[in-house]
N, C-alpha and C. Protein backbone atom coordinates (compact mmCIF):
# COMPACT_ATOMS: atom_id res chain seq x y z
N MET A 1 -55.05 -15.44 -29.44
CA MET A 1 -54.63 -16.72 -28.91
C MET A 1 -54.65 -17.76 -30.02
N ALA A 2 -53.76 -18.72 -29.91
CA ALA A 2 -53.68 -19.82 -30.86
C ALA A 2 -54.32 -21.06 -30.22
N ILE A 3 -54.89 -21.91 -31.06
CA ILE A 3 -55.50 -23.15 -30.59
C ILE A 3 -54.67 -24.31 -31.11
N ILE A 4 -54.32 -25.22 -30.20
CA ILE A 4 -53.53 -26.40 -30.58
C ILE A 4 -54.19 -27.65 -30.02
N LYS A 5 -53.73 -28.77 -30.52
CA LYS A 5 -54.17 -30.06 -29.99
C LYS A 5 -52.95 -30.97 -29.94
N THR A 6 -52.77 -31.64 -28.81
CA THR A 6 -51.65 -32.56 -28.71
C THR A 6 -51.92 -33.77 -29.60
N ILE A 7 -50.85 -34.35 -30.11
CA ILE A 7 -51.01 -35.53 -30.95
C ILE A 7 -50.12 -36.65 -30.44
N LYS A 8 -50.52 -37.83 -30.70
CA LYS A 8 -49.72 -39.00 -30.39
C LYS A 8 -49.10 -39.43 -31.72
N ASP A 9 -47.81 -39.28 -31.82
CA ASP A 9 -47.08 -39.63 -33.04
C ASP A 9 -46.92 -41.14 -33.08
N PRO A 10 -47.49 -41.80 -34.09
CA PRO A 10 -47.39 -43.26 -34.12
C PRO A 10 -45.95 -43.77 -34.24
N GLU A 11 -45.08 -42.99 -34.85
CA GLU A 11 -43.68 -43.41 -34.98
C GLU A 11 -42.90 -43.14 -33.70
N ASN A 12 -43.30 -42.12 -32.96
CA ASN A 12 -42.69 -41.74 -31.68
C ASN A 12 -41.16 -41.78 -31.71
N LYS A 13 -40.59 -41.19 -32.75
CA LYS A 13 -39.13 -41.14 -32.88
C LYS A 13 -38.53 -40.26 -31.79
N LEU A 14 -37.34 -40.62 -31.38
CA LEU A 14 -36.59 -39.76 -30.49
C LEU A 14 -35.57 -38.99 -31.32
N CYS A 15 -35.19 -37.84 -30.85
CA CYS A 15 -34.21 -37.06 -31.59
C CYS A 15 -32.89 -37.04 -30.83
N ARG A 16 -31.90 -36.44 -31.44
CA ARG A 16 -30.56 -36.40 -30.84
C ARG A 16 -30.47 -35.46 -29.65
N CYS A 17 -31.50 -34.70 -29.40
CA CYS A 17 -31.49 -33.77 -28.26
C CYS A 17 -31.72 -34.51 -26.94
N GLY A 18 -32.15 -35.76 -26.99
CA GLY A 18 -32.37 -36.54 -25.79
C GLY A 18 -33.84 -36.61 -25.39
N ASN A 19 -34.55 -35.51 -25.48
CA ASN A 19 -36.00 -35.49 -25.25
C ASN A 19 -36.57 -34.26 -25.96
N TRP A 20 -37.89 -34.22 -26.05
CA TRP A 20 -38.53 -33.16 -26.84
C TRP A 20 -38.47 -31.79 -26.16
N LEU A 21 -38.35 -31.73 -24.85
CA LEU A 21 -38.19 -30.43 -24.19
C LEU A 21 -36.82 -29.86 -24.50
N ASN A 22 -35.79 -30.70 -24.47
CA ASN A 22 -34.45 -30.23 -24.87
C ASN A 22 -34.46 -29.79 -26.33
N HIS A 23 -35.17 -30.51 -27.17
CA HIS A 23 -35.29 -30.16 -28.59
C HIS A 23 -35.88 -28.74 -28.71
N TYR A 24 -36.93 -28.47 -27.94
CA TYR A 24 -37.56 -27.15 -27.97
C TYR A 24 -36.56 -26.07 -27.54
N LYS A 25 -35.82 -26.35 -26.49
CA LYS A 25 -34.83 -25.37 -26.00
C LYS A 25 -33.69 -25.18 -26.99
N ASN A 26 -33.29 -26.25 -27.68
CA ASN A 26 -32.20 -26.16 -28.65
C ASN A 26 -32.57 -25.36 -29.89
N PHE A 27 -33.83 -25.43 -30.29
CA PHE A 27 -34.24 -24.79 -31.54
C PHE A 27 -35.23 -23.64 -31.33
N GLY A 28 -35.53 -23.32 -30.12
CA GLY A 28 -36.44 -22.22 -29.80
C GLY A 28 -35.85 -21.42 -28.66
N PRO A 29 -36.72 -20.89 -27.80
CA PRO A 29 -36.22 -20.14 -26.64
C PRO A 29 -35.38 -21.01 -25.72
N LYS A 30 -34.33 -20.46 -25.22
CA LYS A 30 -33.42 -21.22 -24.35
C LYS A 30 -34.00 -21.41 -22.95
N VAL A 31 -34.81 -20.47 -22.50
CA VAL A 31 -35.38 -20.53 -21.16
C VAL A 31 -36.89 -20.73 -21.26
N VAL A 32 -37.36 -21.77 -20.64
CA VAL A 32 -38.79 -22.06 -20.59
C VAL A 32 -39.13 -22.34 -19.14
N ARG A 33 -40.05 -21.57 -18.60
CA ARG A 33 -40.34 -21.71 -17.17
C ARG A 33 -41.69 -22.32 -16.86
N LEU A 34 -42.71 -21.99 -17.68
CA LEU A 34 -44.07 -22.42 -17.39
C LEU A 34 -44.74 -23.00 -18.63
N CYS A 35 -45.77 -23.77 -18.39
CA CYS A 35 -46.62 -24.29 -19.46
C CYS A 35 -47.15 -23.10 -20.27
N VAL A 36 -47.27 -23.27 -21.58
CA VAL A 36 -47.68 -22.16 -22.45
C VAL A 36 -49.19 -22.08 -22.67
N VAL A 37 -49.95 -22.96 -22.01
CA VAL A 37 -51.41 -22.90 -22.10
C VAL A 37 -51.89 -21.68 -21.32
N LYS A 38 -52.83 -20.98 -21.92
CA LYS A 38 -53.37 -19.75 -21.31
C LYS A 38 -53.80 -20.01 -19.87
N GLU A 39 -53.31 -19.18 -18.97
CA GLU A 39 -53.62 -19.18 -17.55
C GLU A 39 -53.14 -20.41 -16.78
N CYS A 40 -52.25 -21.20 -17.36
CA CYS A 40 -51.67 -22.34 -16.63
C CYS A 40 -50.36 -21.89 -16.00
N THR A 41 -50.11 -22.33 -14.81
CA THR A 41 -48.86 -22.01 -14.13
C THR A 41 -48.05 -23.28 -13.83
N GLY A 42 -48.38 -24.37 -14.54
CA GLY A 42 -47.67 -25.63 -14.34
C GLY A 42 -46.20 -25.49 -14.72
N HIS A 43 -45.32 -26.03 -13.89
CA HIS A 43 -43.90 -25.90 -14.15
C HIS A 43 -43.20 -27.25 -14.35
N GLU A 44 -43.90 -28.36 -14.21
CA GLU A 44 -43.35 -29.67 -14.56
C GLU A 44 -43.56 -29.85 -16.05
N LEU A 45 -42.54 -29.50 -16.84
CA LEU A 45 -42.71 -29.41 -18.28
C LEU A 45 -42.20 -30.62 -19.05
N THR A 46 -42.83 -30.79 -20.20
CA THR A 46 -42.39 -31.78 -21.16
C THR A 46 -42.54 -31.15 -22.55
N GLY A 47 -41.77 -31.63 -23.49
CA GLY A 47 -41.93 -31.18 -24.86
C GLY A 47 -43.05 -31.99 -25.50
N ALA A 48 -44.11 -31.33 -25.90
CA ALA A 48 -45.28 -32.03 -26.45
C ALA A 48 -45.39 -31.82 -27.95
N LYS A 49 -45.77 -32.88 -28.64
CA LYS A 49 -46.04 -32.78 -30.08
C LYS A 49 -47.46 -32.27 -30.25
N VAL A 50 -47.60 -31.22 -31.06
CA VAL A 50 -48.90 -30.60 -31.26
C VAL A 50 -49.12 -30.25 -32.73
N GLN A 51 -50.38 -30.01 -33.06
CA GLN A 51 -50.73 -29.46 -34.36
C GLN A 51 -51.62 -28.25 -34.11
N LYS A 52 -51.47 -27.26 -34.99
CA LYS A 52 -52.32 -26.08 -34.92
C LYS A 52 -53.72 -26.47 -35.37
N GLN A 53 -54.71 -25.92 -34.71
CA GLN A 53 -56.10 -26.14 -35.08
C GLN A 53 -56.61 -24.92 -35.82
N ASN A 54 -57.65 -25.09 -36.60
CA ASN A 54 -58.23 -23.99 -37.39
C ASN A 54 -57.18 -23.34 -38.28
N SER A 55 -56.32 -24.18 -38.88
CA SER A 55 -55.23 -23.70 -39.70
C SER A 55 -55.01 -24.68 -40.84
N GLU A 56 -54.49 -24.17 -41.93
CA GLU A 56 -54.12 -25.04 -43.05
C GLU A 56 -52.77 -25.71 -42.79
N ASP A 57 -52.06 -25.24 -41.80
CA ASP A 57 -50.75 -25.78 -41.43
C ASP A 57 -50.95 -27.10 -40.67
N LEU A 58 -50.60 -28.20 -41.31
CA LEU A 58 -50.78 -29.52 -40.69
C LEU A 58 -49.48 -30.11 -40.15
N LYS A 59 -48.43 -29.29 -40.09
CA LYS A 59 -47.14 -29.77 -39.59
C LYS A 59 -47.22 -30.09 -38.10
N ILE A 60 -46.28 -30.91 -37.66
CA ILE A 60 -46.20 -31.26 -36.24
C ILE A 60 -45.11 -30.40 -35.61
N TYR A 61 -45.43 -29.84 -34.47
CA TYR A 61 -44.52 -28.95 -33.76
C TYR A 61 -44.31 -29.44 -32.33
N ILE A 62 -43.28 -28.89 -31.72
CA ILE A 62 -43.00 -29.14 -30.31
C ILE A 62 -43.19 -27.82 -29.56
N ILE A 63 -43.91 -27.89 -28.45
CA ILE A 63 -44.03 -26.75 -27.54
C ILE A 63 -43.96 -27.28 -26.11
N PRO A 64 -43.59 -26.44 -25.15
CA PRO A 64 -43.53 -26.90 -23.76
C PRO A 64 -44.90 -26.84 -23.09
N LEU A 65 -45.33 -27.98 -22.59
CA LEU A 65 -46.59 -28.06 -21.86
C LEU A 65 -46.33 -28.75 -20.52
N CYS A 66 -47.17 -28.45 -19.54
CA CYS A 66 -47.09 -29.19 -18.28
C CYS A 66 -47.53 -30.62 -18.56
N THR A 67 -47.19 -31.52 -17.67
CA THR A 67 -47.50 -32.93 -17.91
C THR A 67 -49.01 -33.17 -18.04
N THR A 68 -49.82 -32.41 -17.33
CA THR A 68 -51.28 -32.55 -17.42
C THR A 68 -51.78 -32.15 -18.81
N HIS A 69 -51.36 -30.98 -19.29
CA HIS A 69 -51.81 -30.54 -20.61
C HIS A 69 -51.22 -31.38 -21.74
N ALA A 70 -50.04 -31.92 -21.55
CA ALA A 70 -49.43 -32.75 -22.59
C ALA A 70 -50.24 -34.03 -22.82
N GLU A 71 -50.98 -34.48 -21.82
CA GLU A 71 -51.81 -35.68 -21.95
C GLU A 71 -53.25 -35.36 -22.36
N SER A 72 -53.59 -34.09 -22.47
CA SER A 72 -54.95 -33.68 -22.79
C SER A 72 -55.34 -34.09 -24.21
N LYS A 73 -56.58 -34.45 -24.38
CA LYS A 73 -57.11 -34.76 -25.70
C LYS A 73 -57.97 -33.60 -26.22
N ASP A 74 -58.10 -32.55 -25.42
CA ASP A 74 -58.89 -31.39 -25.78
C ASP A 74 -58.08 -30.38 -26.59
N GLU A 75 -58.77 -29.49 -27.27
CA GLU A 75 -58.09 -28.35 -27.88
C GLU A 75 -57.66 -27.42 -26.75
N LEU A 76 -56.47 -26.84 -26.89
CA LEU A 76 -55.92 -25.98 -25.85
C LEU A 76 -55.61 -24.61 -26.44
N GLU A 77 -55.86 -23.58 -25.66
CA GLU A 77 -55.57 -22.22 -26.08
C GLU A 77 -54.22 -21.81 -25.51
N ILE A 78 -53.32 -21.39 -26.39
CA ILE A 78 -51.99 -20.95 -25.95
C ILE A 78 -51.77 -19.51 -26.38
N TYR A 79 -50.78 -18.89 -25.81
CA TYR A 79 -50.46 -17.51 -26.13
C TYR A 79 -49.88 -17.40 -27.55
N ASP A 80 -50.25 -16.35 -28.27
CA ASP A 80 -49.79 -16.14 -29.65
C ASP A 80 -48.29 -15.98 -29.77
N SER A 81 -47.66 -15.51 -28.72
CA SER A 81 -46.23 -15.21 -28.78
C SER A 81 -45.34 -16.45 -28.65
N ILE A 82 -45.93 -17.61 -28.45
CA ILE A 82 -45.15 -18.83 -28.24
C ILE A 82 -44.59 -19.33 -29.57
N PRO A 83 -43.27 -19.47 -29.67
CA PRO A 83 -42.68 -20.02 -30.90
C PRO A 83 -42.97 -21.52 -31.02
N PHE A 84 -43.32 -21.94 -32.21
CA PHE A 84 -43.49 -23.35 -32.50
C PHE A 84 -42.17 -23.85 -33.07
N VAL A 85 -41.69 -24.99 -32.58
CA VAL A 85 -40.44 -25.57 -33.06
C VAL A 85 -40.79 -26.84 -33.85
N SER A 86 -40.22 -26.97 -35.02
CA SER A 86 -40.50 -28.11 -35.87
C SER A 86 -40.11 -29.42 -35.21
N ALA A 87 -41.00 -30.41 -35.33
CA ALA A 87 -40.70 -31.76 -34.85
C ALA A 87 -40.04 -32.60 -35.93
N ASP A 88 -39.81 -32.00 -37.09
CA ASP A 88 -39.20 -32.71 -38.21
C ASP A 88 -37.70 -32.81 -37.97
N THR A 89 -37.26 -33.97 -37.50
CA THR A 89 -35.85 -34.14 -37.15
C THR A 89 -34.93 -34.08 -38.36
N LYS A 90 -35.46 -34.31 -39.55
CA LYS A 90 -34.64 -34.20 -40.76
C LYS A 90 -34.22 -32.75 -41.00
N LYS A 91 -35.01 -31.81 -40.49
CA LYS A 91 -34.71 -30.39 -40.68
C LYS A 91 -34.06 -29.76 -39.45
N THR A 92 -33.94 -30.53 -38.38
CA THR A 92 -33.37 -29.95 -37.15
C THR A 92 -32.16 -30.76 -36.70
N CYS A 93 -32.35 -31.68 -35.78
CA CYS A 93 -31.21 -32.34 -35.14
C CYS A 93 -30.94 -33.76 -35.60
N GLY A 94 -31.85 -34.37 -36.30
CA GLY A 94 -31.67 -35.75 -36.73
C GLY A 94 -32.27 -36.73 -35.74
N THR A 95 -32.45 -37.94 -36.20
CA THR A 95 -33.03 -38.99 -35.36
C THR A 95 -31.92 -39.67 -34.56
N ALA A 96 -32.23 -39.98 -33.33
CA ALA A 96 -31.26 -40.65 -32.47
C ALA A 96 -31.04 -42.07 -32.94
N GLY A 97 -29.79 -42.47 -33.04
CA GLY A 97 -29.45 -43.83 -33.41
C GLY A 97 -29.55 -44.78 -32.23
N MET A 98 -29.44 -46.06 -32.47
CA MET A 98 -29.55 -47.05 -31.40
C MET A 98 -28.49 -46.85 -30.33
N LYS A 99 -27.27 -46.51 -30.72
CA LYS A 99 -26.21 -46.28 -29.73
C LYS A 99 -26.61 -45.15 -28.79
N TYR A 100 -27.12 -44.06 -29.35
CA TYR A 100 -27.53 -42.93 -28.51
C TYR A 100 -28.67 -43.33 -27.58
N LEU A 101 -29.65 -44.07 -28.11
CA LEU A 101 -30.78 -44.48 -27.28
C LEU A 101 -30.31 -45.33 -26.12
N LYS A 102 -29.39 -46.27 -26.36
CA LYS A 102 -28.90 -47.12 -25.28
C LYS A 102 -28.17 -46.29 -24.23
N GLU A 103 -27.36 -45.31 -24.67
CA GLU A 103 -26.65 -44.45 -23.72
C GLU A 103 -27.63 -43.59 -22.95
N GLY A 104 -28.66 -43.08 -23.62
CA GLY A 104 -29.64 -42.21 -22.99
C GLY A 104 -30.52 -42.93 -22.00
N GLN A 105 -30.59 -44.25 -22.09
CA GLN A 105 -31.44 -45.03 -21.17
C GLN A 105 -30.73 -45.34 -19.87
N ARG A 106 -29.45 -45.07 -19.79
CA ARG A 106 -28.71 -45.37 -18.55
C ARG A 106 -29.09 -44.44 -17.45
């Protein structure tokens, strides 16, 4: 099992995918049904920004978590088979511009 911790990104940038769950689906598995926390069956999902714990890898990733786990401040155990998708928009979809944000808020 892998250990992760959700993070609050101070910049809180939005990407061109519209939201972080769409970002995960666009750059990872296309179908996501349940929260990836061990033994959780939550299906109200959001794309959460996380960092791996007990690792030298300090990058920020997106994974699908239920809304409860996405707000958790605790370390969470997830299944090893879960792909981590980079939250680095420069390497994936790019940052949403103001025009996109205004359209997405409608």
